């Protein structure tokens, strides 16, 4: 049996046990990644010949979510002030731009 077969591998996130790797399957797998899985993962291998560690960083991106306020149509008189707010969250932090929609043009 070679050194790889003797290795005992663990995948760690901030010292919390996440998954134990089986022989011949050296992957740390996630079936439904969420933002909470983002971070640095430490792969540690031990064998009779010694040990070693490597770090992999998982960055999770998410689609922007937008909240517009007010959420209903706004009616004002000529000369009045009005404020339309757009808040966007996501990873990485999205930028926000405003443009007037023109009839006949796609959003």
PDB file of N, CA and C in Angstrom:
ATOM      1  N   UNK A   1       0.843  -1.180   0.000  1.00  0.00           N
ATOM      2  CA  UNK A   1       0.000   0.000   0.000  1.00  0.00           C
ATOM      3  C   UNK A   1       0.885   1.238   0.000  1.00  0.00           C
ATOM      4  N   UNK A   2       0.648   2.207  -0.919  1.00  0.00           N
ATOM      5  CA  UNK A   2       1.489   3.395  -0.966  1.00  0.00           C
ATOM      6  C   UNK A   2       1.017   4.427   0.067  1.00  0.00           C
ATOM      7  N   UNK A   3       1.781   5.514   0.187  1.00  0.00           N
ATOM      8  CA  UNK A   3       1.512   6.540   1.191  1.00  0.00           C
ATOM      9  C   UNK A   3       0.103   7.114   1.047  1.00  0.00           C
ATOM     10  N   UNK A   4      -0.375   7.323  -0.190  1.00  0.00           N
ATOM     11  CA  UNK A   4      -1.716   7.877  -0.397  1.00  0.00           C
ATOM     12  C   UNK A   4      -2.804   6.993   0.194  1.00  0.00           C
ATOM     13  N   UNK A   5      -2.640   5.677   0.112  1.00  0.00           N
ATOM     14  CA  UNK A   5      -3.644   4.779   0.668  1.00  0.00           C
ATOM     15  C   UNK A   5      -3.636   4.807   2.192  1.00  0.00           C
ATOM     16  N   UNK A   6      -2.521   5.160   2.799  1.00  0.00           N
ATOM     17  CA  UNK A   6      -2.440   5.214   4.249  1.00  0.00           C
ATOM     18  C   UNK A   6      -2.903   6.566   4.799  1.00  0.00           C
ATOM     19  N   UNK A   7      -3.063   7.535   3.910  1.00  0.00           N
ATOM     20  CA  UNK A   7      -3.395   8.894   4.363  1.00  0.00           C
ATOM     21  C   UNK A   7      -4.786   8.941   4.985  1.00  0.00           C
ATOM     22  N   UNK A   8      -4.868   9.697   6.059  1.00  0.00           N
ATOM     23  CA  UNK A   8      -6.152   9.954   6.700  1.00  0.00           C
ATOM     24  C   UNK A   8      -6.445  11.427   6.443  1.00  0.00           C
ATOM     25  N   UNK A   9      -7.446  11.719   5.621  1.00  0.00           N
ATOM     26  CA  UNK A   9      -7.707  13.090   5.192  1.00  0.00           C
ATOM     27  C   UNK A   9      -8.965  13.632   5.839  1.00  0.00           C
ATOM     28  N   UNK A  10      -8.921  14.878   6.187  1.00  0.00           N
ATOM     29  CA  UNK A  10     -10.094  15.576   6.703  1.00  0.00           C
ATOM     30  C   UNK A  10     -10.201  16.908   5.995  1.00  0.00           C
ATOM     31  N   UNK A  11     -11.407  17.403   5.812  1.00  0.00           N
ATOM     32  CA  UNK A  11     -11.638  18.706   5.226  1.00  0.00           C
ATOM     33  C   UNK A  11     -12.200  19.576   6.347  1.00  0.00           C
ATOM     34  N   UNK A  12     -11.505  20.656   6.689  1.00  0.00           N
ATOM     35  CA  UNK A  12     -11.890  21.472   7.831  1.00  0.00           C
ATOM     36  C   UNK A  12     -12.235  22.894   7.402  1.00  0.00           C
ATOM     37  N   UNK A  13     -13.203  23.496   8.045  1.00  0.00           N
ATOM     38  CA  UNK A  13     -13.543  24.904   7.859  1.00  0.00           C
ATOM     39  C   UNK A  13     -13.477  25.555   9.227  1.00  0.00           C
ATOM     40  N   UNK A  14     -12.512  26.424   9.434  1.00  0.00           N
ATOM     41  CA  UNK A  14     -12.321  27.128  10.698  1.00  0.00           C
ATOM     42  C   UNK A  14     -12.349  26.151  11.874  1.00  0.00           C
ATOM     43  N   UNK A  15     -11.627  25.065  11.760  1.00  0.00           N
ATOM     44  CA  UNK A  15     -11.483  24.043  12.799  1.00  0.00           C
ATOM     45  C   UNK A  15     -12.772  23.276  13.108  1.00  0.00           C
ATOM     46  N   UNK A  16     -13.775  23.368  12.245  1.00  0.00           N
ATOM     47  CA  UNK A  16     -15.006  22.602  12.420  1.00  0.00           C
ATOM     48  C   UNK A  16     -14.973  21.443  11.434  1.00  0.00           C
ATOM     49  N   UNK A  17     -15.214  20.231  11.910  1.00  0.00           N
ATOM     50  CA  UNK A  17     -15.191  19.057  11.047  1.00  0.00           C
ATOM     51  C   UNK A  17     -16.324  19.151  10.041  1.00  0.00           C
ATOM     52  N   UNK A  18     -16.011  19.088   8.771  1.00  0.00           N
ATOM     53  CA  UNK A  18     -17.016  19.197   7.714  1.00  0.00           C
ATOM     54  C   UNK A  18     -17.285  17.840   7.058  1.00  0.00           C
ATOM     55  N   UNK A  19     -16.243  17.201   6.556  1.00  0.00           N
ATOM     56  CA  UNK A  19     -16.459  15.920   5.888  1.00  0.00           C
ATOM     57  C   UNK A  19     -15.203  15.073   5.988  1.00  0.00           C
ATOM     58  N   UNK A  20     -15.396  13.805   6.119  1.00  0.00           N
ATOM     59  CA  UNK A  20     -14.274  12.878   6.156  1.00  0.00           C
ATOM     60  C   UNK A  20     -14.122  12.294   4.764  1.00  0.00           C
ATOM     61  N   UNK A  21     -12.917  12.307   4.258  1.00  0.00           N
ATOM     62  CA  UNK A  21     -12.657  11.848   2.906  1.00  0.00           C
ATOM     63  C   UNK A  21     -12.368  10.353   2.929  1.00  0.00           C
ATOM     64  N   UNK A  22     -13.027   9.625   2.052  1.00  0.00           N
ATOM     65  CA  UNK A  22     -12.813   8.181   1.956  1.00  0.00           C
ATOM     66  C   UNK A  22     -11.613   7.888   1.073  1.00  0.00           C
ATOM     67  N   UNK A  23     -11.030   6.722   1.234  1.00  0.00           N
ATOM     68  CA  UNK A  23      -9.912   6.312   0.381  1.00  0.00           C
ATOM     69  C   UNK A  23     -10.325   6.389  -1.086  1.00  0.00           C
ATOM     70  N   UNK A  24      -9.441   6.853  -1.923  1.00  0.00           N
ATOM     71  CA  UNK A  24      -9.639   7.009  -3.364  1.00  0.00           C
ATOM     72  C   UNK A  24     -10.621   8.124  -3.708  1.00  0.00           C
ATOM     73  N   UNK A  25     -11.142   8.847  -2.739  1.00  0.00           N
ATOM     74  CA  UNK A  25     -12.072   9.949  -2.998  1.00  0.00           C
ATOM     75  C   UNK A  25     -11.596  11.128  -2.170  1.00  0.00           C
ATOM     76  N   UNK A  26     -10.699  11.909  -2.736  1.00  0.00           N
ATOM     77  CA  UNK A  26     -10.032  12.974  -1.994  1.00  0.00           C
ATOM     78  C   UNK A  26     -10.735  14.322  -2.157  1.00  0.00           C
ATOM     79  N   UNK A  27     -12.024  14.322  -2.433  1.00  0.00           N
ATOM     80  CA  UNK A  27     -12.765  15.556  -2.652  1.00  0.00           C
ATOM     81  C   UNK A  27     -13.592  15.915  -1.427  1.00  0.00           C
ATOM     82  N   UNK A  28     -13.782  17.200  -1.211  1.00  0.00           N
ATOM     83  CA  UNK A  28     -14.741  17.697  -0.228  1.00  0.00           C
ATOM     84  C   UNK A  28     -15.893  18.231  -1.069  1.00  0.00           C
ATOM     85  N   UNK A  29     -17.054  17.613  -0.987  1.00  0.00           N
ATOM     86  CA  UNK A  29     -18.154  17.916  -1.900  1.00  0.00           C
ATOM     87  C   UNK A  29     -19.321  18.579  -1.179  1.00  0.00           C
ATOM     88  N   UNK A  30     -20.007  19.455  -1.904  1.00  0.00           N
ATOM     89  CA  UNK A  30     -21.193  20.130  -1.403  1.00  0.00           C
ATOM     90  C   UNK A  30     -22.285  19.935  -2.445  1.00  0.00           C
ATOM     91  N   UNK A  31     -23.459  19.513  -2.032  1.00  0.00           N
ATOM     92  CA  UNK A  31     -24.525  19.284  -3.009  1.00  0.00           C
ATOM     93  C   UNK A  31     -25.335  20.551  -3.275  1.00  0.00           C
ATOM     94  N   UNK A  32     -25.499  21.411  -2.300  1.00  0.00           N
ATOM     95  CA  UNK A  32     -26.260  22.650  -2.454  1.00  0.00           C
ATOM     96  C   UNK A  32     -25.493  23.763  -1.742  1.00  0.00           C
ATOM     97  N   UNK A  33     -24.576  24.411  -2.433  1.00  0.00           N
ATOM     98  CA  UNK A  33     -23.729  25.429  -1.812  1.00  0.00           C
ATOM     99  C   UNK A  33     -24.569  26.636  -1.409  1.00  0.00           C
ATOM    100  N   UNK A  34     -24.334  27.128  -0.189  1.00  0.00           N
ATOM    101  CA  UNK A  34     -24.945  28.361   0.286  1.00  0.00           C
ATOM    102  C   UNK A  34     -23.828  29.313   0.700  1.00  0.00           C
ATOM    103  N   UNK A  35     -24.189  30.546   1.001  1.00  0.00           N
ATOM    104  CA  UNK A  35     -23.206  31.542   1.395  1.00  0.00           C
ATOM    105  C   UNK A  35     -22.452  31.112   2.658  1.00  0.00           C
ATOM    106  N   UNK A  36     -23.086  30.317   3.505  1.00  0.00           N
ATOM    107  CA  UNK A  36     -22.435  29.898   4.751  1.00  0.00           C
ATOM    108  C   UNK A  36     -21.251  28.955   4.518  1.00  0.00           C
ATOM    109  N   UNK A  37     -21.175  28.344   3.336  1.00  0.00           N
ATOM    110  CA  UNK A  37     -20.026  27.472   3.035  1.00  0.00           C
ATOM    111  C   UNK A  37     -18.802  28.248   2.557  1.00  0.00           C
ATOM    112  N   UNK A  38     -18.945  29.532   2.277  1.00  0.00           N
ATOM    113  CA  UNK A  38     -17.798  30.332   1.832  1.00  0.00           C
ATOM    114  C   UNK A  38     -16.745  30.374   2.926  1.00  0.00           C
ATOM    115  N   UNK A  39     -15.483  30.305   2.539  1.00  0.00           N
ATOM    116  CA  UNK A  39     -14.399  30.388   3.511  1.00  0.00           C
ATOM    117  C   UNK A  39     -13.201  29.566   3.095  1.00  0.00           C
ATOM    118  N   UNK A  40     -12.268  29.465   4.015  1.00  0.00           N
ATOM    119  CA  UNK A  40     -11.062  28.692   3.746  1.00  0.00           C
ATOM    120  C   UNK A  40     -11.226  27.280   4.280  1.00  0.00           C
ATOM    121  N   UNK A  41     -10.859  26.328   3.446  1.00  0.00           N
ATOM    122  CA  UNK A  41     -10.911  24.922   3.812  1.00  0.00           C
ATOM    123  C   UNK A  41      -9.490  24.398   3.902  1.00  0.00           C
ATOM    124  N   UNK A  42      -9.236  23.629   4.930  1.00  0.00           N
ATOM    125  CA  UNK A  42      -7.907  23.078   5.172  1.00  0.00           C
ATOM    126  C   UNK A  42      -7.956  21.585   4.913  1.00  0.00           C
ATOM    127  N   UNK A  43      -7.107  21.126   4.037  1.00  0.00           N
ATOM    128  CA  UNK A  43      -6.986  19.692   3.774  1.00  0.00           C
ATOM    129  C   UNK A  43      -5.713  19.210   4.467  1.00  0.00           C
ATOM    130  N   UNK A  44      -5.863  18.262   5.355  1.00  0.00           N
ATOM    131  CA  UNK A  44      -4.721  17.751   6.120  1.00  0.00           C
ATOM    132  C   UNK A  44      -4.579  16.256   5.836  1.00  0.00           C
ATOM    133  N   UNK A  45      -3.382  15.837   5.505  1.00  0.00           N
ATOM    134  CA  UNK A  45      -3.114  14.426   5.221  1.00  0.00           C
ATOM    135  C   UNK A  45      -2.058  13.916   6.193  1.00  0.00           C
ATOM    136  N   UNK A  46      -2.355  12.793   6.827  1.00  0.00           N
ATOM    137  CA  UNK A  46      -1.418  12.131   7.741  1.00  0.00           C
ATOM    138  C   UNK A  46      -1.112  10.732   7.226  1.00  0.00           C
ATOM    139  N   UNK A  47       0.108  10.309   7.408  1.00  0.00           N
ATOM    140  CA  UNK A  47       0.473   8.924   7.117  1.00  0.00           C
ATOM    141  C   UNK A  47       1.684   8.576   7.973  1.00  0.00           C
ATOM    142  N   UNK A  48       2.118   7.359   7.883  1.00  0.00           N
ATOM    143  CA  UNK A  48       3.307   6.941   8.629  1.00  0.00           C
ATOM    144  C   UNK A  48       4.548   7.698   8.167  1.00  0.00           C
ATOM    145  N   UNK A  49       4.509   8.219   6.934  1.00  0.00           N
ATOM    146  CA  UNK A  49       5.650   8.936   6.375  1.00  0.00           C
ATOM    147  C   UNK A  49       5.675  10.409   6.783  1.00  0.00           C
ATOM    148  N   UNK A  50       4.589  10.927   7.352  1.00  0.00           N
ATOM    149  CA  UNK A  50       4.546  12.321   7.756  1.00  0.00           C
ATOM    150  C   UNK A  50       3.178  12.924   7.518  1.00  0.00           C
ATOM    151  N   UNK A  51       3.115  14.252   7.566  1.00  0.00           N
ATOM    152  CA  UNK A  51       1.845  14.926   7.345  1.00  0.00           C
ATOM    153  C   UNK A  51       2.069  16.233   6.589  1.00  0.00           C
ATOM    154  N   UNK A  52       1.006  16.717   5.984  1.00  0.00           N
ATOM    155  CA  UNK A  52       1.065  17.982   5.258  1.00  0.00           C
ATOM    156  C   UNK A  52      -0.325  18.605   5.244  1.00  0.00           C
ATOM    157  N   UNK A  53      -0.363  19.910   4.981  1.00  0.00           N
ATOM    158  CA  UNK A  53      -1.611  20.650   4.975  1.00  0.00           C
ATOM    159  C   UNK A  53      -1.639  21.600   3.781  1.00  0.00           C
ATOM    160  N   UNK A  54      -2.810  21.780   3.196  1.00  0.00           N
ATOM    161  CA  UNK A  54      -3.005  22.754   2.116  1.00  0.00           C
ATOM    162  C   UNK A  54      -4.329  23.472   2.353  1.00  0.00           C
ATOM    163  N   UNK A  55      -4.435  24.690   1.839  1.00  0.00           N
ATOM    164  CA  UNK A  55      -5.637  25.498   2.027  1.00  0.00           C
ATOM    165  C   UNK A  55      -6.266  25.807   0.671  1.00  0.00           C
ATOM    166  N   UNK A  56      -7.590  25.688   0.605  1.00  0.00           N
ATOM    167  CA  UNK A  56      -8.359  26.079  -0.578  1.00  0.00           C
ATOM    168  C   UNK A  56      -9.419  27.083  -0.126  1.00  0.00           C
ATOM    169  N   UNK A  57      -9.625  28.127  -0.916  1.00  0.00           N
ATOM    170  CA  UNK A  57     -10.613  29.144  -0.579  1.00  0.00           C
ATOM    171  C   UNK A  57     -11.825  28.994  -1.483  1.00  0.00           C
ATOM    172  N   UNK A  58     -13.010  28.921  -0.869  1.00  0.00           N
ATOM    173  CA  UNK A  58     -14.262  28.834  -1.604  1.00  0.00           C
ATOM    174  C   UNK A  58     -14.969  30.181  -1.517  1.00  0.00           C
ATOM    175  N   UNK A  59     -15.169  30.824  -2.681  1.00  0.00           N
ATOM    176  CA  UNK A  59     -15.894  32.095  -2.764  1.00  0.00           C
ATOM    177  C   UNK A  59     -17.239  31.792  -3.413  1.00  0.00           C
ATOM    178  N   UNK A  60     -18.325  32.132  -2.735  1.00  0.00           N
ATOM    179  CA  UNK A  60     -19.667  31.844  -3.233  1.00  0.00           C
ATOM    180  C   UNK A  60     -20.303  33.144  -3.717  1.00  0.00           C
ATOM    181  N   UNK A  61     -20.666  33.188  -4.998  1.00  0.00           N
ATOM    182  CA  UNK A  61     -21.326  34.365  -5.568  1.00  0.00           C
ATOM    183  C   UNK A  61     -22.831  34.126  -5.570  1.00  0.00           C
ATOM    184  N   UNK A  62     -23.603  35.192  -5.414  1.00  0.00           N
ATOM    185  CA  UNK A  62     -25.058  35.068  -5.444  1.00  0.00           C
ATOM    186  C   UNK A  62     -25.643  36.169  -6.315  1.00  0.00           C
ATOM    187  N   UNK A  63     -26.784  35.866  -6.927  1.00  0.00           N
ATOM    188  CA  UNK A  63     -27.485  36.838  -7.766  1.00  0.00           C
ATOM    189  C   UNK A  63     -27.917  38.019  -6.911  1.00  0.00           C
ATOM    190  N   UNK A  64     -27.881  39.226  -7.472  1.00  0.00           N
ATOM    191  CA  UNK A  64     -28.371  40.383  -6.715  1.00  0.00           C
ATOM    192  C   UNK A  64     -29.864  40.269  -6.419  1.00  0.00           C
ATOM    193  N   UNK A  65     -30.243  40.756  -5.249  1.00  0.00           N
ATOM    194  CA  UNK A  65     -31.650  40.885  -4.879  1.00  0.00           C
ATOM    195  C   UNK A  65     -31.926  42.373  -4.733  1.00  0.00           C
ATOM    196  N   UNK A  66     -33.004  42.836  -5.358  1.00  0.00           N
ATOM    197  CA  UNK A  66     -33.307  44.265  -5.390  1.00  0.00           C
ATOM    198  C   UNK A  66     -34.593  44.556  -4.616  1.00  0.00           C
ATOM    199  N   UNK A  67     -34.550  45.642  -3.851  1.00  0.00           N
ATOM    200  CA  UNK A  67     -35.730  46.172  -3.181  1.00  0.00           C
ATOM    201  C   UNK A  67     -35.882  47.621  -3.614  1.00  0.00           C
ATOM    202  N   UNK A  68     -37.036  47.951  -4.206  1.00  0.00           N
ATOM    203  CA  UNK A  68     -37.316  49.311  -4.653  1.00  0.00           C
ATOM    204  C   UNK A  68     -38.352  49.914  -3.716  1.00  0.00           C
ATOM    205  N   UNK A  69     -38.127  51.158  -3.344  1.00  0.00           N
ATOM    206  CA  UNK A  69     -39.045  51.853  -2.453  1.00  0.00           C
ATOM    207  C   UNK A  69     -39.335  53.240  -3.020  1.00  0.00           C
ATOM    208  N   UNK A  70     -40.572  53.648  -3.048  1.00  0.00           N
ATOM    209  CA  UNK A  70     -41.752  52.877  -2.656  1.00  0.00           C
ATOM    210  C   UNK A  70     -42.036  51.762  -3.663  1.00  0.00           C
ATOM    211  N   UNK A  71     -42.764  50.748  -3.198  1.00  0.00           N
ATOM    212  CA  UNK A  71     -43.007  49.570  -4.037  1.00  0.00           C
ATOM    213  C   UNK A  71     -44.255  49.721  -4.910  1.00  0.00           C
ATOM    214  N   UNK A  72     -44.955  50.836  -4.774  1.00  0.00           N
ATOM    215  CA  UNK A  72     -46.140  51.086  -5.601  1.00  0.00           C
ATOM    216  C   UNK A  72     -45.888  52.316  -6.479  1.00  0.00           C
ATOM    217  N   UNK A  73     -46.788  52.564  -7.418  1.00  0.00           N
ATOM    218  CA  UNK A  73     -46.661  53.738  -8.290  1.00  0.00           C
ATOM    219  C   UNK A  73     -46.628  55.016  -7.445  1.00  0.00           C
ATOM    220  N   UNK A  74     -45.854  55.981  -7.884  1.00  0.00           N
ATOM    221  CA  UNK A  74     -45.723  57.255  -7.192  1.00  0.00           C
ATOM    222  C   UNK A  74     -46.351  58.337  -8.059  1.00  0.00           C
ATOM    223  N   UNK A  75     -47.216  59.133  -7.452  1.00  0.00           N
ATOM    224  CA  UNK A  75     -47.838  60.241  -8.178  1.00  0.00           C
ATOM    225  C   UNK A  75     -47.441  61.543  -7.495  1.00  0.00           C
ATOM    226  N   UNK A  76     -46.920  62.478  -8.279  1.00  0.00           N
ATOM    227  CA  UNK A  76     -46.510  63.780  -7.753  1.00  0.00           C
ATOM    228  C   UNK A  76     -46.987  64.868  -8.699  1.00  0.00           C
ATOM    229  N   UNK A  77     -47.044  66.071  -8.181  1.00  0.00           N
ATOM    230  CA  UNK A  77     -47.385  67.227  -9.003  1.00  0.00           C
ATOM    231  C   UNK A  77     -46.114  67.844  -9.547  1.00  0.00           C
ATOM    232  N   UNK A  78     -46.206  68.503 -10.678  1.00  0.00           N
ATOM    233  CA  UNK A  78     -45.062  69.200 -11.266  1.00  0.00           C
ATOM    234  C   UNK A  78     -44.464  70.125 -10.202  1.00  0.00           C
ATOM    235  N   UNK A  79     -43.148  70.083 -10.080  1.00  0.00           N
ATOM    236  CA  UNK A  79     -42.439  70.933  -9.129  1.00  0.00           C
ATOM    237  C   UNK A  79     -42.203  70.292  -7.772  1.00  0.00           C
ATOM    238  N   UNK A  80     -42.880  69.174  -7.482  1.00  0.00           N
ATOM    239  CA  UNK A  80     -42.670  68.489  -6.210  1.00  0.00           C
ATOM    240  C   UNK A  80     -41.400  67.646  -6.265  1.00  0.00           C
ATOM    241  N   UNK A  81     -40.877  67.332  -5.086  1.00  0.00           N
ATOM    242  CA  UNK A  81     -39.727  66.434  -4.983  1.00  0.00           C
ATOM    243  C   UNK A  81     -40.216  64.998  -4.830  1.00  0.00           C
ATOM    244  N   UNK A  82     -39.403  64.083  -5.302  1.00  0.00           N
ATOM    245  CA  UNK A  82     -39.719  62.665  -5.142  1.00  0.00           C
ATOM    246  C   UNK A  82     -38.413  61.900  -4.967  1.00  0.00           C
ATOM    247  N   UNK A  83     -38.468  60.838  -4.206  1.00  0.00           N
ATOM    248  CA  UNK A  83     -37.286  60.014  -3.973  1.00  0.00           C
ATOM    249  C   UNK A  83     -37.634  58.557  -4.254  1.00  0.00           C
ATOM    250  N   UNK A  84     -36.895  57.945  -5.163  1.00  0.00           N
ATOM    251  CA  UNK A  84     -37.027  56.519  -5.451  1.00  0.00           C
ATOM    252  C   UNK A  84     -35.756  55.848  -4.957  1.00  0.00           C
ATOM    253  N   UNK A  85     -35.903  54.823  -4.142  1.00  0.00           N
ATOM    254  CA  UNK A  85     -34.739  54.127  -3.585  1.00  0.00           C
ATOM    255  C   UNK A  85     -34.624  52.730  -4.178  1.00  0.00           C
ATOM    256  N   UNK A  86     -33.397  52.330  -4.414  1.00  0.00           N
ATOM    257  CA  UNK A  86     -33.101  50.987  -4.897  1.00  0.00           C
ATOM    258  C   UNK A  86     -31.984  50.417  -4.037  1.00  0.00           C
ATOM    259  N   UNK A  87     -32.271  49.347  -3.334  1.00  0.00           N
ATOM    260  CA  UNK A  87     -31.272  48.668  -2.505  1.00  0.00           C
ATOM    261  C   UNK A  87     -30.990  47.312  -3.141  1.00  0.00           C
ATOM    262  N   UNK A  88     -29.715  47.002  -3.275  1.00  0.00           N
ATOM    263  CA  UNK A  88     -29.326  45.722  -3.873  1.00  0.00           C
ATOM    264  C   UNK A  88     -28.339  45.012  -2.961  1.00  0.00           C
ATOM    265  N   UNK A  89     -28.571  43.723  -2.764  1.00  0.00           N
ATOM    266  CA  UNK A  89     -27.654  42.896  -1.985  1.00  0.00           C
ATOM    267  C   UNK A  89     -27.213  41.723  -2.847  1.00  0.00           C
ATOM    268  N   UNK A  90     -26.085  41.151  -2.529  1.00  0.00           N
ATOM    269  CA  UNK A  90     -25.553  40.005  -3.261  1.00  0.00           C
ATOM    270  C   UNK A  90     -24.069  39.889  -3.003  1.00  0.00           C
ATOM    271  N   UNK A  91     -23.478  38.836  -3.524  1.00  0.00           N
ATOM    272  CA  UNK A  91     -22.038  38.613  -3.366  1.00  0.00           C
ATOM    273  C   UNK A  91     -21.445  38.325  -4.722  1.00  0.00           C
ATOM    274  N   UNK A  92     -20.542  39.144  -5.236  1.00  0.00           N
ATOM    275  CA  UNK A  92     -20.035  40.367  -4.600  1.00  0.00           C
ATOM    276  C   UNK A  92     -21.108  41.459  -4.572  1.00  0.00           C
ATOM    277  N   UNK A  93     -20.888  42.493  -3.772  1.00  0.00           N
ATOM    278  CA  UNK A  93     -21.845  43.584  -3.635  1.00  0.00           C
ATOM    279  C   UNK A  93     -22.137  44.190  -5.003  1.00  0.00           C
ATOM    280  N   UNK A  94     -23.411  44.185  -5.429  1.00  0.00           N
ATOM    281  CA  UNK A  94     -23.743  44.724  -6.749  1.00  0.00           C
ATOM    282  C   UNK A  94     -23.708  46.254  -6.782  1.00  0.00           C
ATOM    283  N   UNK A  95     -23.508  46.791  -7.970  1.00  0.00           N
ATOM    284  CA  UNK A  95     -23.635  48.235  -8.165  1.00  0.00           C
ATOM    285  C   UNK A  95     -25.066  48.499  -8.643  1.00  0.00           C
ATOM    286  N   UNK A  96     -25.552  49.708  -8.410  1.00  0.00           N
ATOM    287  CA  UNK A  96     -26.918  50.066  -8.776  1.00  0.00           C
ATOM    288  C   UNK A  96     -26.881  51.215  -9.773  1.00  0.00           C
ATOM    289  N   UNK A  97     -27.676  51.097 -10.815  1.00  0.00           N
ATOM    290  CA  UNK A  97     -27.818  52.167 -11.797  1.00  0.00           C
ATOM    291  C   UNK A  97     -29.300  52.389 -12.048  1.00  0.00           C
ATOM    292  N   UNK A  98     -29.648  53.633 -12.291  1.00  0.00           N
ATOM    293  CA  UNK A  98     -31.019  53.988 -12.656  1.00  0.00           C
ATOM    294  C   UNK A  98     -31.040  54.427 -14.116  1.00  0.00           C
ATOM    295  N   UNK A  99     -32.113  54.109 -14.815  1.00  0.00           N
ATOM    296  CA  UNK A  99     -32.353  54.601 -16.169  1.00  0.00           C
ATOM    297  C   UNK A  99     -33.862  54.658 -16.370  1.00  0.00           C
ATOM    298  N   UNK A 100     -34.323  55.605 -17.148  1.00  0.00           N
ATOM    299  CA  UNK A 100     -35.743  55.695 -17.448  1.00  0.00           C
ATOM    300  C   UNK A 100     -36.088  54.673 -18.515  1.00  0.00           C
ATOM    301  N   UNK A 101     -37.118  53.856 -18.244  1.00  0.00           N
ATOM    302  CA  UNK A 101     -37.547  52.851 -19.206  1.00  0.00           C
ATOM    303  C   UNK A 101     -38.299  53.540 -20.341  1.00  0.00           C
ATOM    304  N   UNK A 102     -37.953  53.154 -21.546  1.00  0.00           N
ATOM    305  CA  UNK A 102     -38.636  53.700 -22.731  1.00  0.00           C
ATOM    306  C   UNK A 102     -39.542  52.629 -23.314  1.00  0.00           C
ATOM    307  N   UNK A 103     -40.771  52.994 -23.572  1.00  0.00           N
ATOM    308  CA  UNK A 103     -41.759  52.061 -24.143  1.00  0.00           C
ATOM    309  C   UNK A 103     -41.212  51.468 -25.437  1.00  0.00           C
ATOM    310  N   UNK A 104     -41.370  50.157 -25.568  1.00  0.00           N
ATOM    311  CA  UNK A 104     -40.921  49.468 -26.767  1.00  0.00           C
ATOM    312  C   UNK A 104     -39.521  48.901 -26.644  1.00  0.00           C
ATOM    313  N   UNK A 105     -38.814  49.212 -25.559  1.00  0.00           N
ATOM    314  CA  UNK A 105     -37.471  48.692 -25.329  1.00  0.00           C
ATOM    315  C   UNK A 105     -37.501  47.668 -24.198  1.00  0.00           C
ATOM    316  N   UNK A 106     -36.720  46.632 -24.345  1.00  0.00           N
ATOM    317  CA  UNK A 106     -36.659  45.586 -23.316  1.00  0.00           C
ATOM    318  C   UNK A 106     -35.928  46.131 -22.082  1.00  0.00           C
ATOM    319  N   UNK A 107     -36.249  45.545 -20.950  1.00  0.00           N
ATOM    320  CA  UNK A 107     -35.562  45.920 -19.712  1.00  0.00           C
ATOM    321  C   UNK A 107     -34.147  45.421 -19.738  1.00  0.00           C
TER     322      UNK A 107
END
